[in-house]
Amino acid sequence: MKKTGKQLGPMFFYLMIFIGGQRLAYLVLHPVVLAYVVCSTTIHKRLGPYVNRRFPHGSWLHKRVQVYQIIIGLGKMLIDRALLGIKPDSHFEGTFEGLDRLQDILDSGSGAVVVLAHVGTWQTAMAHLAGLNTKIHAIMAHNEEAMTKHFYEMGRSRSFQIIDAQGFMGGMIEAAAILAKGELVLIMGDRAEGGQTMPTQFLGSPINLPVAAYNLAAVTNTPIIIAFSVKTGTTSHTLKIWDIIHPHFAGREKKAELSRCVSRFSKGLQDYVEQYPHQWGNFFDIWQQ
């Protein structure tokens, strides 16, 4: 019964999209989310760790409003994602700020490790890299793969190959071989999936962030591209390069170098949520992972 209920929710919005497109689905989304935010305690517990840190001086009501806006934002992104599958002729505009910088790296013959985060339209961001003249591979855990699979089941062709994060050596051997060929490897930098982590600060609290991407880049002598996506309008989104790091251990203490890298990522992510506080996509306490 619970599984059936979870399936009925998306099916209802698929029907709204089929009948009235994006506008009708957006319109229906607001009362549905309002009822969910008012009646559910679970969503406030799941978003509380982020909301309490991002809006530390907000009142009880103010924080409830922030949760509502986060869920509305997520709902719109899911509707947009489904719309592209149900109505493939739908028009969306995408821009890539910093594309020339990444293209210069690829033109030099080097591969690159693109570090993303669960913010904004991160799944669309993966597809947005398809315009580059190189092959793209994404290191994914099972839950991330399941989410992207849902998107591509809606009729979109997948623009990248998946490297299993639960595979041999966490997929790092395969990823290193790919980078040696001058191709792109995508990896999430905001969730620890059981691998090595380093402590840093995020939104005023200590957090442990994974270092697999920076180890990989240092060993293969390839740059780190920190890139986050933003939904900028009803039919538009932007993928932006926030930072470029060149990790290397030669002449440096490895732990200090990894600490430097995760701090740069954390700073970029904090700059992002200060500008786009309602495009947060981590629904669990990443400070306690």
C-alpha atoms as a PDB file:
ATOM      1  CA  MET A   1       0.000   0.000   0.000  1.00  0.00           C
ATOM      2  CA  LYS A   2       2.826   2.403   0.896  1.00  0.00           C
ATOM      3  CA  LYS A   3       4.568   1.682  -2.381  1.00  0.00           C
ATOM      4  CA  THR A   4       1.322   2.272  -4.264  1.00  0.00           C
ATOM      5  CA  GLY A   5       0.903   5.634  -2.539  1.00  0.00           C
ATOM      6  CA  LYS A   6       4.397   6.702  -3.585  1.00  0.00           C
ATOM      7  CA  GLN A   7       3.614   5.774  -7.174  1.00  0.00           C
ATOM      8  CA  LEU A   8       0.293   7.635  -7.219  1.00  0.00           C
ATOM      9  CA  GLY A   9       1.936  10.971  -6.381  1.00  0.00           C
ATOM     10  CA  PRO A  10       4.165  11.132  -9.472  1.00  0.00           C
ATOM     11  CA  MET A  11       1.412   9.638 -11.654  1.00  0.00           C
ATOM     12  CA  PHE A  12      -0.954  12.411 -10.570  1.00  0.00           C
ATOM     13  CA  PHE A  13       1.525  15.090 -11.641  1.00  0.00           C
ATOM     14  CA  TYR A  14       2.273  13.238 -14.883  1.00  0.00           C
ATOM     15  CA  LEU A  15      -1.460  13.468 -15.611  1.00  0.00           C
ATOM     16  CA  MET A  16      -1.483  17.197 -14.808  1.00  0.00           C
ATOM     17  CA  ILE A  17       1.445  17.717 -17.186  1.00  0.00           C
ATOM     18  CA  PHE A  18      -0.292  15.717 -19.900  1.00  0.00           C
ATOM     19  CA  ILE A  19      -3.504  17.734 -19.514  1.00  0.00           C
ATOM     20  CA  GLY A  20      -2.226  21.242 -18.920  1.00  0.00           C
ATOM     21  CA  GLY A  21       1.540  21.179 -19.241  1.00  0.00           C
ATOM     22  CA  GLN A  22       3.938  22.878 -16.881  1.00  0.00           C
ATOM     23  CA  ARG A  23       1.572  25.703 -15.904  1.00  0.00           C
ATOM     24  CA  LEU A  24      -1.174  23.427 -14.568  1.00  0.00           C
ATOM     25  CA  ALA A  25       1.320  21.177 -12.768  1.00  0.00           C
ATOM     26  CA  TYR A  26       2.937  24.216 -11.099  1.00  0.00           C
ATOM     27  CA  LEU A  27      -0.492  25.530 -10.080  1.00  0.00           C
ATOM     28  CA  VAL A  28      -1.527  22.243  -8.466  1.00  0.00           C
ATOM     29  CA  LEU A  29       1.866  21.877  -6.797  1.00  0.00           C
ATOM     30  CA  HIS A  30       1.333  24.782  -4.375  1.00  0.00           C
ATOM     31  CA  PRO A  31      -1.688  23.463  -2.412  1.00  0.00           C
ATOM     32  CA  VAL A  32      -0.247  19.944  -2.394  1.00  0.00           C
ATOM     33  CA  VAL A  33       3.057  21.145  -0.913  1.00  0.00           C
ATOM     34  CA  LEU A  34       1.286  23.459   1.533  1.00  0.00           C
ATOM     35  CA  ALA A  35      -0.768  20.551   2.886  1.00  0.00           C
ATOM     36  CA  TYR A  36       2.355  18.397   3.103  1.00  0.00           C
ATOM     37  CA  VAL A  37       4.366  21.034   4.981  1.00  0.00           C
ATOM     38  CA  VAL A  38       1.501  21.770   7.384  1.00  0.00           C
ATOM     39  CA  CYS A  39       0.616  18.144   8.133  1.00  0.00           C
ATOM     40  CA  SER A  40       3.975  16.362   8.013  1.00  0.00           C
ATOM     41  CA  THR A  41       6.572  16.468  10.757  1.00  0.00           C
ATOM     42  CA  THR A  42       8.996  14.252   8.835  1.00  0.00           C
ATOM     43  CA  ILE A  43       9.960  16.862   6.248  1.00  0.00           C
ATOM     44  CA  HIS A  44      10.827  19.399   8.957  1.00  0.00           C
ATOM     45  CA  LYS A  45      13.059  16.864  10.693  1.00  0.00           C
ATOM     46  CA  ARG A  46      14.808  16.032   7.431  1.00  0.00           C
ATOM     47  CA  LEU A  47      15.370  19.643   6.381  1.00  0.00           C
ATOM     48  CA  GLY A  48      15.836  20.991   9.905  1.00  0.00           C
ATOM     49  CA  PRO A  49      19.641  20.514  10.043  1.00  0.00           C
ATOM     50  CA  TYR A  50      20.032  22.678   6.930  1.00  0.00           C
ATOM     51  CA  VAL A  51      17.300  25.249   7.615  1.00  0.00           C
ATOM     52  CA  ASN A  52      18.444  25.824  11.205  1.00  0.00           C
ATOM     53  CA  ARG A  53      21.963  26.575  10.000  1.00  0.00           C
ATOM     54  CA  ARG A  54      21.057  28.557   6.902  1.00  0.00           C
ATOM     55  CA  PHE A  55      18.443  30.649   8.763  1.00  0.00           C
ATOM     56  CA  PRO A  56      19.744  30.560  12.366  1.00  0.00           C
ATOM     57  CA  HIS A  57      17.842  33.661  13.484  1.00  0.00           C
ATOM     58  CA  GLY A  58      14.532  32.828  11.832  1.00  0.00           C
ATOM     59  CA  SER A  59      11.371  32.314  13.874  1.00  0.00           C
ATOM     60  CA  TRP A  60       9.514  29.006  13.989  1.00  0.00           C
ATOM     61  CA  LEU A  61       7.111  30.283  11.293  1.00  0.00           C
ATOM     62  CA  HIS A  62       9.899  31.718   9.160  1.00  0.00           C
ATOM     63  CA  LYS A  63      11.671  28.357   9.095  1.00  0.00           C
ATOM     64  CA  ARG A  64       8.424  26.615   8.128  1.00  0.00           C
ATOM     65  CA  VAL A  65       8.135  29.031   5.200  1.00  0.00           C
ATOM     66  CA  GLN A  66      11.691  28.188   4.123  1.00  0.00           C
ATOM     67  CA  VAL A  67      10.856  24.469   4.138  1.00  0.00           C
ATOM     68  CA  TYR A  68       7.792  25.216   2.005  1.00  0.00           C
ATOM     69  CA  GLN A  69       9.897  27.166  -0.511  1.00  0.00           C
ATOM     70  CA  ILE A  70      12.530  24.416  -0.689  1.00  0.00           C
ATOM     71  CA  ILE A  71       9.881  21.769  -1.409  1.00  0.00           C
ATOM     72  CA  ILE A  72       8.188  24.028  -3.975  1.00  0.00           C
ATOM     73  CA  GLY A  73      11.528  24.503  -5.700  1.00  0.00           C
ATOM     74  CA  LEU A  74      12.223  20.777  -5.706  1.00  0.00           C
ATOM     75  CA  GLY A  75       8.712  20.052  -6.982  1.00  0.00           C
ATOM     76  CA  LYS A  76       9.128  22.456  -9.890  1.00  0.00           C
ATOM     77  CA  MET A  77      12.415  20.831 -10.848  1.00  0.00           C
ATOM     78  CA  LEU A  78      10.794  17.379 -10.791  1.00  0.00           C
ATOM     79  CA  ILE A  79       7.909  18.667 -12.919  1.00  0.00           C
ATOM     80  CA  ASP A  80      10.367  20.154 -15.420  1.00  0.00           C
ATOM     81  CA  ARG A  81      12.223  16.849 -15.541  1.00  0.00           C
ATOM     82  CA  ALA A  82       9.028  14.911 -16.198  1.00  0.00           C
ATOM     83  CA  LEU A  83       7.862  17.489 -18.742  1.00  0.00           C
ATOM     84  CA  LEU A  84      10.907  16.837 -20.910  1.00  0.00           C
ATOM     85  CA  GLY A  85       9.949  13.166 -21.080  1.00  0.00           C
ATOM     86  CA  ILE A  86       6.188  13.558 -21.512  1.00  0.00           C
ATOM     87  CA  LYS A  87       6.418  16.454 -23.957  1.00  0.00           C
ATOM     88  CA  PRO A  88       9.828  16.243 -25.660  1.00  0.00           C
ATOM     89  CA  ASP A  89       9.147  19.354 -27.734  1.00  0.00           C
ATOM     90  CA  SER A  90       9.081  21.505 -24.577  1.00  0.00           C
ATOM     91  CA  HIS A  91      11.523  24.388 -24.787  1.00  0.00           C
ATOM     92  CA  PHE A  92      14.089  24.894 -22.041  1.00  0.00           C
ATOM     93  CA  GLU A  93      17.077  27.220 -22.173  1.00  0.00           C
ATOM     94  CA  GLY A  94      20.356  26.153 -20.663  1.00  0.00           C
ATOM     95  CA  THR A  95      23.578  28.124 -20.271  1.00  0.00           C
ATOM     96  CA  PHE A  96      27.012  27.040 -19.091  1.00  0.00           C
ATOM     97  CA  GLU A  97      29.051  29.744 -17.356  1.00  0.00           C
ATOM     98  CA  GLY A  98      32.711  28.834 -17.657  1.00  0.00           C
ATOM     99  CA  LEU A  99      32.309  26.448 -20.584  1.00  0.00           C
ATOM    100  CA  ASP A 100      35.294  28.022 -22.353  1.00  0.00           C
ATOM    101  CA  ARG A 101      37.527  27.289 -19.340  1.00  0.00           C
ATOM    102  CA  LEU A 102      36.556  23.624 -19.320  1.00  0.00           C
ATOM    103  CA  GLN A 103      36.862  23.364 -23.097  1.00  0.00           C
ATOM    104  CA  ASP A 104      40.408  24.775 -22.926  1.00  0.00           C
ATOM    105  CA  ILE A 105      41.336  22.027 -20.437  1.00  0.00           C
ATOM    106  CA  LEU A 106      39.898  19.332 -22.683  1.00  0.00           C
ATOM    107  CA  ASP A 107      41.553  20.821 -25.789  1.00  0.00           C
ATOM    108  CA  SER A 108      44.903  20.545 -24.013  1.00  0.00           C
ATOM    109  CA  GLY A 109      44.417  16.771 -23.938  1.00  0.00           C
ATOM    110  CA  SER A 110      43.753  16.551 -20.217  1.00  0.00           C
ATOM    111  CA  GLY A 111      40.778  14.914 -18.623  1.00  0.00           C
ATOM    112  CA  ALA A 112      38.985  16.551 -15.696  1.00  0.00           C
ATOM    113  CA  VAL A 113      37.109  15.563 -12.559  1.00  0.00           C
ATOM    114  CA  VAL A 114      33.846  17.518 -12.312  1.00  0.00           C
ATOM    115  CA  VAL A 115      32.639  17.719  -8.701  1.00  0.00           C
ATOM    116  CA  LEU A 116      28.911  18.390  -8.341  1.00  0.00           C
ATOM    117  CA  ALA A 117      26.531  18.670  -5.381  1.00  0.00           C
ATOM    118  CA  HIS A 118      22.906  17.802  -4.682  1.00  0.00           C
ATOM    119  CA  VAL A 119      21.703  21.339  -5.302  1.00  0.00           C
ATOM    120  CA  GLY A 120      19.727  22.963  -8.086  1.00  0.00           C
ATOM    121  CA  THR A 121      19.083  20.990 -11.241  1.00  0.00           C
ATOM    122  CA  TRP A 122      22.035  18.673 -10.718  1.00  0.00           C
ATOM    123  CA  GLN A 123      20.622  15.866 -12.880  1.00  0.00           C
ATOM    124  CA  THR A 124      20.015  18.248 -15.766  1.00  0.00           C
ATOM    125  CA  ALA A 125      23.564  19.521 -15.243  1.00  0.00           C
ATOM    126  CA  MET A 126      24.903  16.087 -16.070  1.00  0.00           C
ATOM    127  CA  ALA A 127      22.971  16.081 -19.324  1.00  0.00           C
ATOM    128  CA  HIS A 128      24.075  19.668 -20.011  1.00  0.00           C
ATOM    129  CA  LEU A 129      27.703  18.550 -20.318  1.00  0.00           C
ATOM    130  CA  ALA A 130      26.760  16.414 -23.316  1.00  0.00           C
ATOM    131  CA  GLY A 131      27.642  19.235 -25.715  1.00  0.00           C
ATOM    132  CA  LEU A 132      31.329  18.826 -24.951  1.00  0.00           C
ATOM    133  CA  ASN A 133      33.402  16.948 -27.475  1.00  0.00           C
ATOM    134  CA  THR A 134      34.355  14.165 -25.076  1.00  0.00           C
ATOM    135  CA  LYS A 135      32.876  11.148 -23.327  1.00  0.00           C
ATOM    136  CA  ILE A 136      31.345  11.665 -19.884  1.00  0.00           C
ATOM    137  CA  HIS A 137      31.286   9.180 -17.013  1.00  0.00           C
ATOM    138  CA  ALA A 138      29.598   9.559 -13.622  1.00  0.00           C
ATOM    139  CA  ILE A 139      30.622   7.768 -10.439  1.00  0.00           C
ATOM    140  CA  MET A 140      27.339   7.028  -8.695  1.00  0.00           C
ATOM    141  CA  ALA A 141      26.059   5.271  -5.620  1.00  0.00           C
ATOM    142  CA  HIS A 142      22.877   3.235  -5.961  1.00  0.00           C
ATOM    143  CA  ASN A 143      20.550   6.000  -4.708  1.00  0.00           C
ATOM    144  CA  GLU A 144      21.949   8.583  -7.141  1.00  0.00           C
ATOM    145  CA  GLU A 145      21.750   6.121 -10.016  1.00  0.00           C
ATOM    146  CA  ALA A 146      18.118   5.372  -9.175  1.00  0.00           C
ATOM    147  CA  MET A 147      17.228   9.061  -9.286  1.00  0.00           C
ATOM    148  CA  THR A 148      18.864   9.658 -12.645  1.00  0.00           C
ATOM    149  CA  LYS A 149      17.326   6.445 -13.972  1.00  0.00           C
ATOM    150  CA  HIS A 150      13.895   7.909 -13.213  1.00  0.00           C
ATOM    151  CA  PHE A 151      14.741  10.937 -15.357  1.00  0.00           C
ATOM    152  CA  TYR A 152      15.926   8.913 -18.314  1.00  0.00           C
ATOM    153  CA  GLU A 153      12.993   6.505 -18.079  1.00  0.00           C
ATOM    154  CA  MET A 154      10.899   9.523 -19.047  1.00  0.00           C
ATOM    155  CA  GLY A 155      12.202   9.297 -22.587  1.00  0.00           C
ATOM    156  CA  ARG A 156      15.545  11.131 -22.482  1.00  0.00           C
ATOM    157  CA  SER A 157      18.675   9.516 -23.822  1.00  0.00           C
ATOM    158  CA  ARG A 158      21.415   9.255 -21.213  1.00  0.00           C
ATOM    159  CA  SER A 159      24.448  11.354 -22.112  1.00  0.00           C
ATOM    160  CA  PHE A 160      26.924   9.656 -19.781  1.00  0.00           C
ATOM    161  CA  GLN A 161      28.118   6.234 -18.661  1.00  0.00           C
ATOM    162  CA  ILE A 162      27.760   5.150 -15.029  1.00  0.00           C
ATOM    163  CA  ILE A 163      30.709   3.958 -12.937  1.00  0.00           C
ATOM    164  CA  ASP A 164      29.508   1.923  -9.959  1.00  0.00           C
ATOM    165  CA  ALA A 165      30.659   3.568  -6.723  1.00  0.00           C
ATOM    166  CA  GLN A 166      30.209   0.196  -4.985  1.00  0.00           C
ATOM    167  CA  GLY A 167      32.459  -1.525  -7.511  1.00  0.00           C
ATOM    168  CA  PHE A 168      36.142  -2.462  -7.195  1.00  0.00           C
ATOM    169  CA  MET A 169      38.070   0.278  -5.361  1.00  0.00           C
ATOM    170  CA  GLY A 170      34.977   2.453  -5.497  1.00  0.00           C
ATOM    171  CA  GLY A 171      35.319   2.764  -9.263  1.00  0.00           C
ATOM    172  CA  MET A 172      38.571   4.722  -8.894  1.00  0.00           C
ATOM    173  CA  ILE A 173      40.688   2.397 -11.072  1.00  0.00           C
ATOM    174  CA  GLU A 174      38.186   2.635 -13.897  1.00  0.00           C
ATOM    175  CA  ALA A 175      37.933   6.408 -13.441  1.00  0.00           C
ATOM    176  CA  ALA A 176      41.727   6.837 -13.577  1.00  0.00           C
ATOM    177  CA  ALA A 177      41.864   4.988 -16.904  1.00  0.00           C
ATOM    178  CA  ILE A 178      39.101   7.222 -18.259  1.00  0.00           C
ATOM    179  CA  LEU A 179      40.899  10.411 -17.216  1.00  0.00           C
ATOM    180  CA  ALA A 180      44.079   9.172 -18.911  1.00  0.00           C
ATOM    181  CA  LYS A 181      42.115   9.212 -22.179  1.00  0.00           C
ATOM    182  CA  GLY A 182      41.217  12.885 -21.726  1.00  0.00           C
ATOM    183  CA  GLU A 183      37.587  12.297 -20.785  1.00  0.00           C
ATOM    184  CA  LEU A 184      35.373  13.659 -17.990  1.00  0.00           C
ATOM    185  CA  VAL A 185      34.534  11.972 -14.702  1.00  0.00           C
ATOM    186  CA  LEU A 186      31.632  13.363 -12.634  1.00  0.00           C
ATOM    187  CA  ILE A 187      31.373  12.752  -8.901  1.00  0.00           C
ATOM    188  CA  MET A 188      29.310  14.174  -6.046  1.00  0.00           C
ATOM    189  CA  GLY A 189      31.329  16.037  -3.451  1.00  0.00           C
ATOM    190  CA  ASP A 190      28.765  16.610  -0.702  1.00  0.00           C
ATOM    191  CA  ARG A 191      27.976  13.102   0.539  1.00  0.00           C
ATOM    192  CA  ALA A 192      30.248  10.585   2.191  1.00  0.00           C
ATOM    193  CA  GLU A 193      29.337   7.091   0.976  1.00  0.00           C
ATOM    194  CA  GLY A 194      31.635   5.194   3.322  1.00  0.00           C
ATOM    195  CA  GLY A 195      34.959   6.324   1.856  1.00  0.00           C
ATOM    196  CA  GLN A 196      37.680   8.528   3.313  1.00  0.00           C
ATOM    197  CA  THR A 197      36.596  11.972   4.503  1.00  0.00           C
ATOM    198  CA  MET A 198      38.183  15.162   5.782  1.00  0.00           C
ATOM    199  CA  PRO A 199      36.693  17.634   8.271  1.00  0.00           C
ATOM    200  CA  THR A 200      35.888  21.196   7.302  1.00  0.00           C
ATOM    201  CA  GLN A 201      33.296  23.876   8.103  1.00  0.00           C
ATOM    202  CA  PHE A 202      29.980  24.433   6.360  1.00  0.00           C
ATOM    203  CA  LEU A 203      27.347  26.941   7.475  1.00  0.00           C
ATOM    204  CA  GLY A 204      29.147  27.432  10.769  1.00  0.00           C
ATOM    205  CA  SER A 205      29.293  23.757  11.784  1.00  0.00           C
ATOM    206  CA  PRO A 206      31.885  21.001  11.310  1.00  0.00           C
ATOM    207  CA  ILE A 207      31.222  18.588   8.475  1.00  0.00           C
ATOM    208  CA  ASN A 208      33.074  15.633   6.948  1.00  0.00           C
ATOM    209  CA  LEU A 209      33.345  15.680   3.160  1.00  0.00           C
ATOM    210  CA  PRO A 210      34.554  12.869   0.867  1.00  0.00           C
ATOM    211  CA  VAL A 211      38.038  13.185  -0.630  1.00  0.00           C
ATOM    212  CA  ALA A 212      37.854  10.536  -3.365  1.00  0.00           C
ATOM    213  CA  ALA A 213      37.604  13.136  -6.137  1.00  0.00           C
ATOM    214  CA  TYR A 214      40.694  15.042  -4.956  1.00  0.00           C
ATOM    215  CA  ASN A 215      42.749  11.873  -4.482  1.00  0.00           C
ATOM    216  CA  LEU A 216      41.769  10.808  -8.004  1.00  0.00           C
ATOM    217  CA  ALA A 217      42.702  14.168  -9.501  1.00  0.00           C
ATOM    218  CA  ALA A 218      46.055  14.290  -7.698  1.00  0.00           C
ATOM    219  CA  VAL A 219      47.049  10.766  -8.763  1.00  0.00           C
ATOM    220  CA  THR A 220      46.072  11.362 -12.409  1.00  0.00           C
ATOM    221  CA  ASN A 221      47.357  14.955 -12.563  1.00  0.00           C
ATOM    222  CA  THR A 222      43.997  16.300 -13.698  1.00  0.00           C
ATOM    223  CA  PRO A 223      42.130  19.402 -12.481  1.00  0.00           C
ATOM    224  CA  ILE A 224      39.040  19.524 -10.304  1.00  0.00           C
ATOM    225  CA  ILE A 225      36.122  21.483 -11.748  1.00  0.00           C
ATOM    226  CA  ILE A 226      33.623  22.483  -9.050  1.00  0.00           C
ATOM    227  CA  ALA A 227      30.307  23.108 -10.811  1.00  0.00           C
ATOM    228  CA  PHE A 228      26.818  23.769  -9.453  1.00  0.00           C
ATOM    229  CA  SER A 229      23.537  24.137 -11.328  1.00  0.00           C
ATOM    230  CA  VAL A 230      20.768  26.675 -10.775  1.00  0.00           C
ATOM    231  CA  LYS A 231      17.163  26.844 -11.909  1.00  0.00           C
ATOM    232  CA  THR A 232      17.066  30.473 -13.041  1.00  0.00           C
ATOM    233  CA  GLY A 233      13.545  30.726 -14.441  1.00  0.00           C
ATOM    234  CA  THR A 234      10.411  28.854 -15.437  1.00  0.00           C
ATOM    235  CA  THR A 235      12.122  27.375 -18.494  1.00  0.00           C
ATOM    236  CA  SER A 236      15.793  28.101 -17.886  1.00  0.00           C
ATOM    237  CA  HIS A 237      18.736  26.795 -15.905  1.00  0.00           C
ATOM    238  CA  THR A 238      22.444  27.512 -15.654  1.00  0.00           C
ATOM    239  CA  LEU A 239      25.447  25.326 -14.949  1.00  0.00           C
ATOM    240  CA  LYS A 240      28.261  27.423 -13.496  1.00  0.00           C
ATOM    241  CA  ILE A 241      31.895  26.661 -12.724  1.00  0.00           C
ATOM    242  CA  TRP A 242      32.485  27.963  -9.201  1.00  0.00           C
ATOM    243  CA  ASP A 243      36.110  27.001  -8.792  1.00  0.00           C
ATOM    244  CA  ILE A 244      38.982  25.091 -10.397  1.00  0.00           C
ATOM    245  CA  ILE A 245      41.483  23.254  -8.182  1.00  0.00           C
ATOM    246  CA  HIS A 246      44.713  21.516  -9.170  1.00  0.00           C
ATOM    247  CA  PRO A 247      45.384  18.979  -6.378  1.00  0.00           C
ATOM    248  CA  HIS A 248      48.867  17.520  -6.170  1.00  0.00           C
ATOM    249  CA  PHE A 249      50.798  15.866  -3.399  1.00  0.00           C
ATOM    250  CA  ALA A 250      54.343  16.513  -4.657  1.00  0.00           C
ATOM    251  CA  GLY A 251      56.111  18.639  -2.074  1.00  0.00           C
ATOM    252  CA  ARG A 252      52.974  18.872   0.061  1.00  0.00           C
ATOM    253  CA  GLU A 253      51.649  16.942   3.013  1.00  0.00           C
ATOM    254  CA  LYS A 254      48.799  14.831   1.681  1.00  0.00           C
ATOM    255  CA  LYS A 255      46.416  15.476   4.558  1.00  0.00           C
ATOM    256  CA  ALA A 256      46.925  19.241   4.314  1.00  0.00           C
ATOM    257  CA  GLU A 257      46.339  19.167   0.555  1.00  0.00           C
ATOM    258  CA  LEU A 258      43.107  17.198   0.906  1.00  0.00           C
ATOM    259  CA  SER A 259      41.990  19.589   3.639  1.00  0.00           C
ATOM    260  CA  ARG A 260      42.645  22.515   1.306  1.00  0.00           C
ATOM    261  CA  CYS A 261      40.539  20.906  -1.424  1.00  0.00           C
ATOM    262  CA  VAL A 262      37.504  20.090   0.726  1.00  0.00           C
ATOM    263  CA  SER A 263      37.632  23.600   2.199  1.00  0.00           C
ATOM    264  CA  ARG A 264      37.504  25.093  -1.306  1.00  0.00           C
ATOM    265  CA  PHE A 265      34.523  22.899  -2.162  1.00  0.00           C
ATOM    266  CA  SER A 266      32.768  23.777   1.089  1.00  0.00           C
ATOM    267  CA  LYS A 267      33.317  27.491   0.500  1.00  0.00           C
ATOM    268  CA  GLY A 268      31.885  27.213  -3.009  1.00  0.00           C
ATOM    269  CA  LEU A 269      28.848  25.331  -1.745  1.00  0.00           C
ATOM    270  CA  GLN A 270      28.283  27.883   1.007  1.00  0.00           C
ATOM    271  CA  ASP A 271      28.487  30.729  -1.513  1.00  0.00           C
ATOM    272  CA  TYR A 272      25.893  28.856  -3.566  1.00  0.00           C
ATOM    273  CA  VAL A 273      23.341  28.396  -0.764  1.00  0.00           C
ATOM    274  CA  GLU A 274      23.777  32.008   0.300  1.00  0.00           C
ATOM    275  CA  GLN A 275      22.655  33.024  -3.191  1.00  0.00           C
ATOM    276  CA  TYR A 276      20.139  30.213  -3.767  1.00  0.00           C
ATOM    277  CA  PRO A 277      18.973  29.024  -0.317  1.00  0.00           C
ATOM    278  CA  HIS A 278      15.899  27.211  -1.646  1.00  0.00           C
ATOM    279  CA  GLN A 279      17.695  25.002  -4.180  1.00  0.00           C
ATOM    280  CA  TRP A 280      19.001  22.607  -1.542  1.00  0.00           C
ATOM    281  CA  GLY A 281      18.634  18.897  -2.322  1.00  0.00           C
ATOM    282  CA  ASN A 282      20.129  17.043   0.663  1.00  0.00           C
ATOM    283  CA  PHE A 283      17.255  15.725   2.749  1.00  0.00           C
ATOM    284  CA  PHE A 284      19.263  14.267   5.599  1.00  0.00           C
ATOM    285  CA  ASP A 285      21.727  15.534   8.166  1.00  0.00           C
ATOM    286  CA  ILE A 286      25.004  15.712   6.259  1.00  0.00           C
ATOM    287  CA  TRP A 287      26.659  17.194   9.360  1.00  0.00           C
ATOM    288  CA  GLN A 288      26.177  13.843  11.136  1.00  0.00           C
ATOM    289  CA  GLN A 289      27.058  11.469   8.289  1.00  0.00           C
END
